Amino acid sequence: MIATVCTMDASDTHTRPRVDAAVERLRAALRDRIPCSPLTDLIDPDDVATAYAVQQRLTDLRIFDGATVVGRKIGLTSPAVQAQLGVNQPDFGVLFDDMAFAAGAELPSERLLQPRAEAEVAFVLGADLVDGPLEVADVRAAVSHVVAALEIVDSRIAGWDITFADTVADNASAGLYVLGSQRRTLAEVEPGKVEMRMLVDGDVVSTGNGAACLGDPLEALAWLARTAREFGEPLRAGQVVLSGALGPMYPVQPGARVTAEITGLGSVTTIFSGQEDRA
C-alpha cells in the first residue's frame, strides 16, 4: 500500500520563514547556475508537508513569470531508491511547457546543473482524473496514449546530496524531458510488461522493465491521480505524466547522445549541446 502524501498550510507562522528561505536558496541556485547546499538546516528530512509547500511556492512563482503547467512527473518509484532514502512513498513534481523537447532535438546543457537521464513510460491523458476511487482501472480508462520518454533529472542540491525532503522541495529534481514519436494505446502495449534499455553514446548504461516502476507504471499513475486531487490540482485531459524510471538513472555530459529503447514503444533519442556555459 502506498502511503498518502500529507499537506500543510504554508502560512503557519513557524513554517513560513523556513519555506521562504528554502525557496530563495533554490531560486538562487537556478539563477546563479551554482548548486546549493542541502535544505536540511531548514526542513527536516521527513518533513514532507513543508517540502511540498516549498515546491508549491516555486510552482506559483514560475506560473507568475509566465510558465504553463503541462503535466506532472513521478519520482522515487524504485523500491531500492526508496529504501536508500528511508521513505515508503514516491514523490511528484510539476512539468512546465519550457521543459519539453522534441525527439532528436538538441538539449541546452547550459540550462542544467547536474543532469542524469532516465528512461520512462509517459502517459498522455485523454480525460480528467477528478472523480471516483482513481484506481488502476480508472486511470487506464483516462489514458489517451503512451510513449517512450527520456527524463533529464537535475538536482539543484550540490552533489545530489539529497534527502526525500530535498528532492520534493526541488520539484522532484525535475529538469527536461523528451517524448518519443510512436504513440500506442493501452490496448496495444501493457506498461507493466515492457523491457527497457538506455544507451549513452552507443553504450548500454541502464536496463530495466515496467515492474521496476511501483510494480506497474499504471500503479504510479493511479497514486499520482489520487495525490494530485488531494492537493487540489487534479490531473487534466491533455496533460503529460512521466511515470518514473524503469531502471537506474545515469549522469550525462555536454555532447552526449542518449537513447531509450522500450519494447512496444520504440525508441527516443536526444543529444546534449556540446558547450556548457554557466557564466
C-alpha atoms as a PDB file:
ATOM      1  CA  MET A   1       0.000   0.000   0.000  1.00  0.00           C
ATOM      2  CA  ILE A   2       1.451   3.375  -0.994  1.00  0.00           C
ATOM      3  CA  ALA A   3       1.471   5.994   1.718  1.00  0.00           C
ATOM      4  CA  THR A   4      -0.571   9.164   1.337  1.00  0.00           C
ATOM      5  CA  VAL A   5       1.221  12.492   0.999  1.00  0.00           C
ATOM      6  CA  CYS A   6       0.333  14.981   3.720  1.00  0.00           C
ATOM      7  CA  THR A   7      -0.206  18.657   3.034  1.00  0.00           C
ATOM      8  CA  MET A   8       0.231  21.731   5.168  1.00  0.00           C
ATOM      9  CA  ASP A   9      -0.686  25.355   5.470  1.00  0.00           C
ATOM     10  CA  ALA A  10       2.403  27.283   4.374  1.00  0.00           C
ATOM     11  CA  SER A  11       1.089  30.385   6.166  1.00  0.00           C
ATOM     12  CA  ASP A  12       1.862  28.812   9.550  1.00  0.00           C
ATOM     13  CA  THR A  13       3.995  31.350  11.456  1.00  0.00           C
ATOM     14  CA  HIS A  14       6.590  28.741  12.400  1.00  0.00           C
ATOM     15  CA  THR A  15       6.862  27.239   8.936  1.00  0.00           C
ATOM     16  CA  ARG A  16       6.637  30.316   6.706  1.00  0.00           C
ATOM     17  CA  PRO A  17      10.190  31.642   7.339  1.00  0.00           C
ATOM     18  CA  ARG A  18      11.714  28.229   6.574  1.00  0.00           C
ATOM     19  CA  VAL A  19       9.685  27.903   3.393  1.00  0.00           C
ATOM     20  CA  ASP A  20      10.752  31.388   2.290  1.00  0.00           C
ATOM     21  CA  ALA A  21      14.426  30.622   2.950  1.00  0.00           C
ATOM     22  CA  ALA A  22      14.302  27.309   1.093  1.00  0.00           C
ATOM     23  CA  VAL A  23      12.578  28.925  -1.892  1.00  0.00           C
ATOM     24  CA  GLU A  24      15.214  31.633  -2.092  1.00  0.00           C
ATOM     25  CA  ARG A  25      18.081  29.119  -1.842  1.00  0.00           C
ATOM     26  CA  LEU A  26      16.737  27.018  -4.711  1.00  0.00           C
ATOM     27  CA  ARG A  27      15.921  30.072  -6.841  1.00  0.00           C
ATOM     28  CA  ALA A  28      19.445  31.389  -6.311  1.00  0.00           C
ATOM     29  CA  ALA A  29      20.910  28.058  -7.452  1.00  0.00           C
ATOM     30  CA  LEU A  30      18.931  28.301 -10.694  1.00  0.00           C
ATOM     31  CA  ARG A  31      19.687  31.974 -11.202  1.00  0.00           C
ATOM     32  CA  ASP A  32      23.420  31.764 -10.489  1.00  0.00           C
ATOM     33  CA  ARG A  33      23.897  28.303 -12.071  1.00  0.00           C
ATOM     34  CA  ILE A  34      25.601  27.096  -8.889  1.00  0.00           C
ATOM     35  CA  PRO A  35      24.190  24.108  -6.939  1.00  0.00           C
ATOM     36  CA  CYS A  36      23.279  24.964  -3.364  1.00  0.00           C
ATOM     37  CA  SER A  37      23.724  23.251  -0.024  1.00  0.00           C
ATOM     38  CA  PRO A  38      21.058  20.761   1.134  1.00  0.00           C
ATOM     39  CA  LEU A  39      17.938  22.114   2.820  1.00  0.00           C
ATOM     40  CA  THR A  40      18.401  20.047   5.990  1.00  0.00           C
ATOM     41  CA  ASP A  41      19.039  23.166   8.071  1.00  0.00           C
ATOM     42  CA  LEU A  42      15.586  24.400   7.039  1.00  0.00           C
ATOM     43  CA  ILE A  43      13.498  21.248   6.501  1.00  0.00           C
ATOM     44  CA  ASP A  44      13.739  18.013   8.457  1.00  0.00           C
ATOM     45  CA  PRO A  45      14.361  15.069   6.104  1.00  0.00           C
ATOM     46  CA  ASP A  46      10.958  13.568   6.960  1.00  0.00           C
ATOM     47  CA  ASP A  47       9.021  16.863   6.890  1.00  0.00           C
ATOM     48  CA  VAL A  48       7.193  16.096   3.658  1.00  0.00           C
ATOM     49  CA  ALA A  49       4.497  18.715   4.186  1.00  0.00           C
ATOM     50  CA  THR A  50       6.935  21.616   4.394  1.00  0.00           C
ATOM     51  CA  ALA A  51       8.871  20.280   1.409  1.00  0.00           C
ATOM     52  CA  TYR A  52       5.730  20.259  -0.736  1.00  0.00           C
ATOM     53  CA  ALA A  53       4.940  23.782   0.465  1.00  0.00           C
ATOM     54  CA  VAL A  54       8.314  24.891  -0.922  1.00  0.00           C
ATOM     55  CA  GLN A  55       7.589  23.116  -4.217  1.00  0.00           C
ATOM     56  CA  GLN A  56       4.174  24.779  -4.448  1.00  0.00           C
ATOM     57  CA  ARG A  57       5.658  28.233  -3.815  1.00  0.00           C
ATOM     58  CA  LEU A  58       8.227  27.681  -6.553  1.00  0.00           C
ATOM     59  CA  THR A  59       5.460  26.483  -8.889  1.00  0.00           C
ATOM     60  CA  ASP A  60       3.402  29.590  -8.156  1.00  0.00           C
ATOM     61  CA  LEU A  61       6.391  31.801  -8.933  1.00  0.00           C
ATOM     62  CA  ARG A  62       7.021  30.021 -12.256  1.00  0.00           C
ATOM     63  CA  ILE A  63       3.380  30.476 -13.234  1.00  0.00           C
ATOM     64  CA  PHE A  64       3.524  34.159 -12.221  1.00  0.00           C
ATOM     65  CA  ASP A  65       6.541  34.533 -14.510  1.00  0.00           C
ATOM     66  CA  GLY A  66       4.549  33.124 -17.439  1.00  0.00           C
ATOM     67  CA  ALA A  67       5.195  29.368 -17.393  1.00  0.00           C
ATOM     68  CA  THR A  68       2.356  26.924 -18.081  1.00  0.00           C
ATOM     69  CA  VAL A  69       1.849  23.631 -16.284  1.00  0.00           C
ATOM     70  CA  VAL A  70       1.590  20.816 -18.868  1.00  0.00           C
ATOM     71  CA  GLY A  71       1.753  17.768 -16.613  1.00  0.00           C
ATOM     72  CA  ARG A  72       3.461  16.021 -13.712  1.00  0.00           C
ATOM     73  CA  LYS A  73       6.386  13.738 -13.090  1.00  0.00           C
ATOM     74  CA  ILE A  74       6.623  10.928 -10.569  1.00  0.00           C
ATOM     75  CA  GLY A  75       9.890  10.220  -8.806  1.00  0.00           C
ATOM     76  CA  LEU A  76      11.273   7.646  -6.376  1.00  0.00           C
ATOM     77  CA  THR A  77       9.249   4.813  -7.861  1.00  0.00           C
ATOM     78  CA  SER A  78      12.069   2.313  -7.375  1.00  0.00           C
ATOM     79  CA  PRO A  79      11.904   0.292  -4.124  1.00  0.00           C
ATOM     80  CA  ALA A  80      15.710   0.310  -3.959  1.00  0.00           C
ATOM     81  CA  VAL A  81      15.855   4.110  -4.046  1.00  0.00           C
ATOM     82  CA  GLN A  82      13.022   4.379  -1.517  1.00  0.00           C
ATOM     83  CA  ALA A  83      14.933   2.100   0.836  1.00  0.00           C
ATOM     84  CA  GLN A  84      18.101   4.153   0.352  1.00  0.00           C
ATOM     85  CA  LEU A  85      16.312   7.344   1.388  1.00  0.00           C
ATOM     86  CA  GLY A  86      14.288   5.670   4.126  1.00  0.00           C
ATOM     87  CA  VAL A  87      10.862   6.529   2.682  1.00  0.00           C
ATOM     88  CA  ASN A  88       7.798   4.478   1.813  1.00  0.00           C
ATOM     89  CA  GLN A  89       6.288   6.599  -0.926  1.00  0.00           C
ATOM     90  CA  PRO A  90       7.130   8.173  -4.269  1.00  0.00           C
ATOM     91  CA  ASP A  91       7.064  11.902  -4.841  1.00  0.00           C
ATOM     92  CA  PHE A  92       5.867  14.124  -7.656  1.00  0.00           C
ATOM     93  CA  GLY A  93       6.841  17.336  -9.393  1.00  0.00           C
ATOM     94  CA  VAL A  94       5.408  19.689 -11.987  1.00  0.00           C
ATOM     95  CA  LEU A  95       6.173  19.742 -15.715  1.00  0.00           C
ATOM     96  CA  PHE A  96       6.226  23.159 -17.368  1.00  0.00           C
ATOM     97  CA  ASP A  97       5.925  23.955 -21.053  1.00  0.00           C
ATOM     98  CA  ASP A  98       9.569  25.004 -21.396  1.00  0.00           C
ATOM     99  CA  MET A  99      10.807  21.609 -20.154  1.00  0.00           C
ATOM    100  CA  ALA A 100       9.551  19.702 -23.226  1.00  0.00           C
ATOM    101  CA  PHE A 101      11.771  18.992 -26.232  1.00  0.00           C
ATOM    102  CA  ALA A 102      11.085  17.089 -29.428  1.00  0.00           C
ATOM    103  CA  ALA A 103      12.715  13.730 -30.068  1.00  0.00           C
ATOM    104  CA  GLY A 104      16.092  14.217 -31.738  1.00  0.00           C
ATOM    105  CA  ALA A 105      16.336  17.844 -30.634  1.00  0.00           C
ATOM    106  CA  GLU A 106      19.485  19.194 -29.038  1.00  0.00           C
ATOM    107  CA  LEU A 107      19.025  19.836 -25.333  1.00  0.00           C
ATOM    108  CA  PRO A 108      20.580  23.014 -23.918  1.00  0.00           C
ATOM    109  CA  SER A 109      23.275  21.850 -21.490  1.00  0.00           C
ATOM    110  CA  GLU A 110      23.537  25.384 -20.147  1.00  0.00           C
ATOM    111  CA  ARG A 111      20.096  25.014 -18.569  1.00  0.00           C
ATOM    112  CA  LEU A 112      21.221  22.051 -16.488  1.00  0.00           C
ATOM    113  CA  LEU A 113      23.462  21.761 -13.441  1.00  0.00           C
ATOM    114  CA  GLN A 114      23.960  18.056 -12.691  1.00  0.00           C
ATOM    115  CA  PRO A 115      21.883  16.188 -15.262  1.00  0.00           C
ATOM    116  CA  ARG A 116      21.110  12.488 -15.170  1.00  0.00           C
ATOM    117  CA  ALA A 117      19.000  10.594 -17.713  1.00  0.00           C
ATOM    118  CA  GLU A 118      16.147   8.195 -17.000  1.00  0.00           C
ATOM    119  CA  ALA A 119      14.095   6.064 -19.397  1.00  0.00           C
ATOM    120  CA  GLU A 120      10.370   6.068 -18.676  1.00  0.00           C
ATOM    121  CA  VAL A 121       6.881   5.366 -19.923  1.00  0.00           C
ATOM    122  CA  ALA A 122       4.968   8.618 -20.436  1.00  0.00           C
ATOM    123  CA  PHE A 123       1.173   8.790 -20.339  1.00  0.00           C
ATOM    124  CA  VAL A 124      -0.842  11.413 -22.201  1.00  0.00           C
ATOM    125  CA  LEU A 125      -4.287  11.814 -20.697  1.00  0.00           C
ATOM    126  CA  GLY A 126      -7.454  11.924 -22.743  1.00  0.00           C
ATOM    127  CA  ALA A 127      -9.773  12.690 -19.811  1.00  0.00           C
ATOM    128  CA  ASP A 128      -9.681  14.430 -16.446  1.00  0.00           C
ATOM    129  CA  LEU A 129      -8.903  12.359 -13.359  1.00  0.00           C
ATOM    130  CA  VAL A 130     -11.117  14.008 -10.796  1.00  0.00           C
ATOM    131  CA  ASP A 131     -13.917  11.700  -9.656  1.00  0.00           C
ATOM    132  CA  GLY A 132     -14.148   8.184  -8.288  1.00  0.00           C
ATOM    133  CA  PRO A 133     -11.628   5.996  -6.460  1.00  0.00           C
ATOM    134  CA  LEU A 134      -8.933   6.645  -9.087  1.00  0.00           C
ATOM    135  CA  GLU A 135      -7.609   3.109  -9.008  1.00  0.00           C
ATOM    136  CA  VAL A 136      -5.763   1.472 -11.917  1.00  0.00           C
ATOM    137  CA  ALA A 137      -8.941   0.752 -13.884  1.00  0.00           C
ATOM    138  CA  ASP A 138      -9.984   4.406 -13.628  1.00  0.00           C
ATOM    139  CA  VAL A 139      -6.667   5.848 -14.784  1.00  0.00           C
ATOM    140  CA  ARG A 140      -6.363   3.252 -17.543  1.00  0.00           C
ATOM    141  CA  ALA A 141      -9.663   4.459 -18.997  1.00  0.00           C
ATOM    142  CA  ALA A 142      -8.424   8.065 -18.947  1.00  0.00           C
ATOM    143  CA  VAL A 143      -5.191   7.455 -20.872  1.00  0.00           C
ATOM    144  CA  SER A 144      -5.191   8.603 -24.495  1.00  0.00           C
ATOM    145  CA  HIS A 145      -1.845   7.036 -25.392  1.00  0.00           C
ATOM    146  CA  VAL A 146       1.597   6.145 -24.090  1.00  0.00           C
ATOM    147  CA  VAL A 147       5.047   6.905 -25.491  1.00  0.00           C
ATOM    148  CA  ALA A 148       8.673   6.195 -24.672  1.00  0.00           C
ATOM    149  CA  ALA A 149      10.270   9.074 -22.793  1.00  0.00           C
ATOM    150  CA  LEU A 150      13.604  10.360 -21.583  1.00  0.00           C
ATOM    151  CA  GLU A 151      13.500  12.419 -18.437  1.00  0.00           C
ATOM    152  CA  ILE A 152      16.555  14.505 -17.637  1.00  0.00           C
ATOM    153  CA  VAL A 153      16.504  14.865 -13.884  1.00  0.00           C
ATOM    154  CA  ASP A 154      18.618  17.631 -12.385  1.00  0.00           C
ATOM    155  CA  SER A 155      19.189  18.444  -8.728  1.00  0.00           C
ATOM    156  CA  ARG A 156      19.807  21.988  -7.610  1.00  0.00           C
ATOM    157  CA  ILE A 157      21.381  20.468  -4.456  1.00  0.00           C
ATOM    158  CA  ALA A 158      25.178  20.178  -4.710  1.00  0.00           C
ATOM    159  CA  GLY A 159      26.461  16.685  -5.428  1.00  0.00           C
ATOM    160  CA  TRP A 160      22.954  15.211  -5.374  1.00  0.00           C
ATOM    161  CA  ASP A 161      23.373  15.122  -1.583  1.00  0.00           C
ATOM    162  CA  ILE A 162      19.628  14.886  -1.048  1.00  0.00           C
ATOM    163  CA  THR A 163      17.084  13.656   1.435  1.00  0.00           C
ATOM    164  CA  PHE A 164      13.482  12.955   0.492  1.00  0.00           C
ATOM    165  CA  ALA A 165      12.530  16.473   1.605  1.00  0.00           C
ATOM    166  CA  ASP A 166      15.279  17.996  -0.559  1.00  0.00           C
ATOM    167  CA  THR A 167      14.078  16.381  -3.769  1.00  0.00           C
ATOM    168  CA  VAL A 168      10.400  17.116  -3.032  1.00  0.00           C
ATOM    169  CA  ALA A 169      11.139  20.802  -2.415  1.00  0.00           C
ATOM    170  CA  ASP A 170      13.273  20.895  -5.570  1.00  0.00           C
ATOM    171  CA  ASN A 171      10.310  19.950  -7.787  1.00  0.00           C
ATOM    172  CA  ALA A 172      11.170  16.241  -7.540  1.00  0.00           C
ATOM    173  CA  SER A 173      14.538  17.017  -9.183  1.00  0.00           C
ATOM    174  CA  ALA A 174      12.808  17.801 -12.480  1.00  0.00           C
ATOM    175  CA  GLY A 175      14.840  19.106 -15.398  1.00  0.00           C
ATOM    176  CA  LEU A 176      13.790  18.499 -19.002  1.00  0.00           C
ATOM    177  CA  TYR A 177      12.027  15.716 -20.897  1.00  0.00           C
ATOM    178  CA  VAL A 178      11.718  14.273 -24.385  1.00  0.00           C
ATOM    179  CA  LEU A 179       8.797  12.213 -25.706  1.00  0.00           C
ATOM    180  CA  GLY A 180       9.060   9.564 -28.397  1.00  0.00           C
ATOM    181  CA  SER A 181       7.051   9.785 -31.606  1.00  0.00           C
ATOM    182  CA  GLN A 182       5.456   6.300 -31.548  1.00  0.00           C
ATOM    183  CA  ARG A 183       2.091   6.609 -29.845  1.00  0.00           C
ATOM    184  CA  ARG A 184       0.441   3.456 -28.548  1.00  0.00           C
ATOM    185  CA  THR A 185      -2.872   2.854 -26.811  1.00  0.00           C
ATOM    186  CA  LEU A 186      -3.128   0.640 -23.749  1.00  0.00           C
ATOM    187  CA  ALA A 187      -4.804  -1.928 -25.963  1.00  0.00           C
ATOM    188  CA  GLU A 188      -1.527  -2.156 -27.881  1.00  0.00           C
ATOM    189  CA  VAL A 189       1.031  -2.158 -25.058  1.00  0.00           C
ATOM    190  CA  GLU A 190       0.977  -3.123 -21.376  1.00  0.00           C
ATOM    191  CA  PRO A 191       3.260  -0.697 -19.454  1.00  0.00           C
ATOM    192  CA  GLY A 192       3.944  -3.150 -16.638  1.00  0.00           C
ATOM    193  CA  LYS A 193       5.431  -5.682 -19.056  1.00  0.00           C
ATOM    194  CA  VAL A 194       7.766  -3.508 -21.123  1.00  0.00           C
ATOM    195  CA  GLU A 195      11.531  -4.017 -21.187  1.00  0.00           C
ATOM    196  CA  MET A 196      13.927  -1.079 -21.362  1.00  0.00           C
ATOM    197  CA  ARG A 197      17.497  -0.351 -22.156  1.00  0.00           C
ATOM    198  CA  MET A 198      19.162   3.072 -22.236  1.00  0.00           C
ATOM    199  CA  LEU A 199      22.276   3.898 -24.211  1.00  0.00           C
ATOM    200  CA  VAL A 200      24.701   6.804 -23.937  1.00  0.00           C
ATOM    201  CA  ASP A 201      26.935   7.285 -26.977  1.00  0.00           C
ATOM    202  CA  GLY A 202      26.074   3.762 -28.080  1.00  0.00           C
ATOM    203  CA  ASP A 203      26.897   2.019 -24.808  1.00  0.00           C
ATOM    204  CA  VAL A 204      24.172   0.390 -22.711  1.00  0.00           C
ATOM    205  CA  VAL A 205      24.207   2.157 -19.325  1.00  0.00           C
ATOM    206  CA  SER A 206      20.854   1.158 -17.827  1.00  0.00           C
ATOM    207  CA  THR A 207      18.345  -1.672 -18.188  1.00  0.00           C
ATOM    208  CA  GLY A 208      15.039  -2.372 -16.519  1.00  0.00           C
ATOM    209  CA  ASN A 209      11.355  -3.059 -17.004  1.00  0.00           C
ATOM    210  CA  GLY A 210       7.875  -1.857 -16.217  1.00  0.00           C
ATOM    211  CA  ALA A 211       7.750  -3.778 -12.939  1.00  0.00           C
ATOM    212  CA  ALA A 212      10.558  -1.544 -11.599  1.00  0.00           C
ATOM    213  CA  CYS A 213       8.100   1.368 -11.517  1.00  0.00           C
ATOM    214  CA  LEU A 214       5.952   0.607  -8.441  1.00  0.00           C
ATOM    215  CA  GLY A 215       5.234  -2.802  -9.964  1.00  0.00           C
ATOM    216  CA  ASP A 216       3.484  -1.181 -12.938  1.00  0.00           C
ATOM    217  CA  PRO A 217       3.592   2.388 -14.323  1.00  0.00           C
ATOM    218  CA  LEU A 218      -0.223   2.397 -14.161  1.00  0.00           C
ATOM    219  CA  GLU A 219       0.018   1.959 -10.372  1.00  0.00           C
ATOM    220  CA  ALA A 220       2.258   5.014 -10.289  1.00  0.00           C
ATOM    221  CA  LEU A 221      -0.265   6.961 -12.360  1.00  0.00           C
ATOM    222  CA  ALA A 222      -3.087   5.953 -10.021  1.00  0.00           C
ATOM    223  CA  TRP A 223      -1.078   7.098  -6.989  1.00  0.00           C
ATOM    224  CA  LEU A 224      -0.398  10.429  -8.649  1.00  0.00           C
ATOM    225  CA  ALA A 225      -4.040  10.909  -9.657  1.00  0.00           C
ATOM    226  CA  ARG A 226      -5.197  10.469  -6.058  1.00  0.00           C
ATOM    227  CA  THR A 227      -2.396  12.601  -4.636  1.00  0.00           C
ATOM    228  CA  ALA A 228      -2.867  15.427  -7.133  1.00  0.00           C
ATOM    229  CA  ARG A 229      -6.564  15.513  -6.269  1.00  0.00           C
ATOM    230  CA  GLU A 230      -5.721  15.733  -2.563  1.00  0.00           C
ATOM    231  CA  PHE A 231      -3.538  18.752  -3.331  1.00  0.00           C
ATOM    232  CA  GLY A 232      -6.450  20.420  -5.124  1.00  0.00           C
ATOM    233  CA  GLU A 233      -4.801  20.224  -8.556  1.00  0.00           C
ATOM    234  CA  PRO A 234      -6.168  17.062 -10.226  1.00  0.00           C
ATOM    235  CA  LEU A 235      -4.745  15.684 -13.435  1.00  0.00           C
ATOM    236  CA  ARG A 236      -6.433  17.019 -16.556  1.00  0.00           C
ATOM    237  CA  ALA A 237      -7.015  15.865 -20.124  1.00  0.00           C
ATOM    238  CA  GLY A 238      -4.070  16.677 -22.359  1.00  0.00           C
ATOM    239  CA  GLN A 239      -1.502  16.580 -19.603  1.00  0.00           C
ATOM    240  CA  VAL A 240       1.671  14.509 -19.781  1.00  0.00           C
ATOM    241  CA  VAL A 241       2.659  12.245 -16.899  1.00  0.00           C
ATOM    242  CA  LEU A 242       6.190  10.882 -16.635  1.00  0.00           C
ATOM    243  CA  SER A 243       5.557   7.754 -14.607  1.00  0.00           C
ATOM    244  CA  GLY A 244       9.022   7.071 -13.173  1.00  0.00           C
ATOM    245  CA  ALA A 245      12.291   5.426 -14.105  1.00  0.00           C
ATOM    246  CA  LEU A 246      12.306   1.868 -15.453  1.00  0.00           C
ATOM    247  CA  GLY A 247      15.937   1.429 -14.424  1.00  0.00           C
ATOM    248  CA  PRO A 248      18.868   3.284 -12.859  1.00  0.00           C
ATOM    249  CA  MET A 249      19.481   6.887 -13.863  1.00  0.00           C
ATOM    250  CA  TYR A 250      22.806   7.770 -15.481  1.00  0.00           C
ATOM    251  CA  PRO A 251      24.833  11.026 -15.404  1.00  0.00           C
ATOM    252  CA  VAL A 252      25.266  12.759 -18.752  1.00  0.00           C
ATOM    253  CA  GLN A 253      27.694  15.365 -20.032  1.00  0.00           C
ATOM    254  CA  PRO A 254      27.518  18.012 -22.764  1.00  0.00           C
ATOM    255  CA  GLY A 255      27.788  16.389 -26.170  1.00  0.00           C
ATOM    256  CA  ALA A 256      26.265  13.073 -25.061  1.00  0.00           C
ATOM    257  CA  ARG A 257      23.762  11.218 -27.236  1.00  0.00           C
ATOM    258  CA  VAL A 258      21.138   9.379 -25.166  1.00  0.00           C
ATOM    259  CA  THR A 259      18.646   6.813 -26.447  1.00  0.00           C
ATOM    260  CA  ALA A 260      15.930   4.918 -24.602  1.00  0.00           C
ATOM    261  CA  GLU A 261      14.564   1.747 -26.190  1.00  0.00           C
ATOM    262  CA  ILE A 262      11.310   0.381 -24.736  1.00  0.00           C
ATOM    263  CA  THR A 263       9.596  -2.705 -26.108  1.00  0.00           C
ATOM    264  CA  GLY A 264       6.274  -1.887 -27.722  1.00  0.00           C
ATOM    265  CA  LEU A 265       7.039   1.839 -27.719  1.00  0.00           C
ATOM    266  CA  GLY A 266      10.110   2.060 -29.926  1.00  0.00           C
ATOM    267  CA  SER A 267      12.920   4.429 -29.088  1.00  0.00           C
ATOM    268  CA  VAL A 268      13.540   8.073 -28.278  1.00  0.00           C
ATOM    269  CA  THR A 269      16.848   9.896 -28.706  1.00  0.00           C
ATOM    270  CA  THR A 270      18.195  13.243 -27.639  1.00  0.00           C
ATOM    271  CA  ILE A 271      21.551  14.999 -27.886  1.00  0.00           C
ATOM    272  CA  PHE A 272      23.031  17.369 -25.332  1.00  0.00           C
ATOM    273  CA  SER A 273      24.571  20.562 -26.651  1.00  0.00           C
ATOM    274  CA  GLY A 274      28.345  20.364 -26.688  1.00  0.00           C
ATOM    275  CA  GLN A 275      29.073  23.607 -24.896  1.00  0.00           C
ATOM    276  CA  GLU A 276      28.425  24.257 -21.238  1.00  0.00           C
ATOM    277  CA  ASP A 277      28.367  27.877 -20.158  1.00  0.00           C
ATOM    278  CA  ARG A 278      27.390  28.817 -16.629  1.00  0.00           C
ATOM    279  CA  ALA A 279      28.940  32.246 -16.568  1.00  0.00           C
END
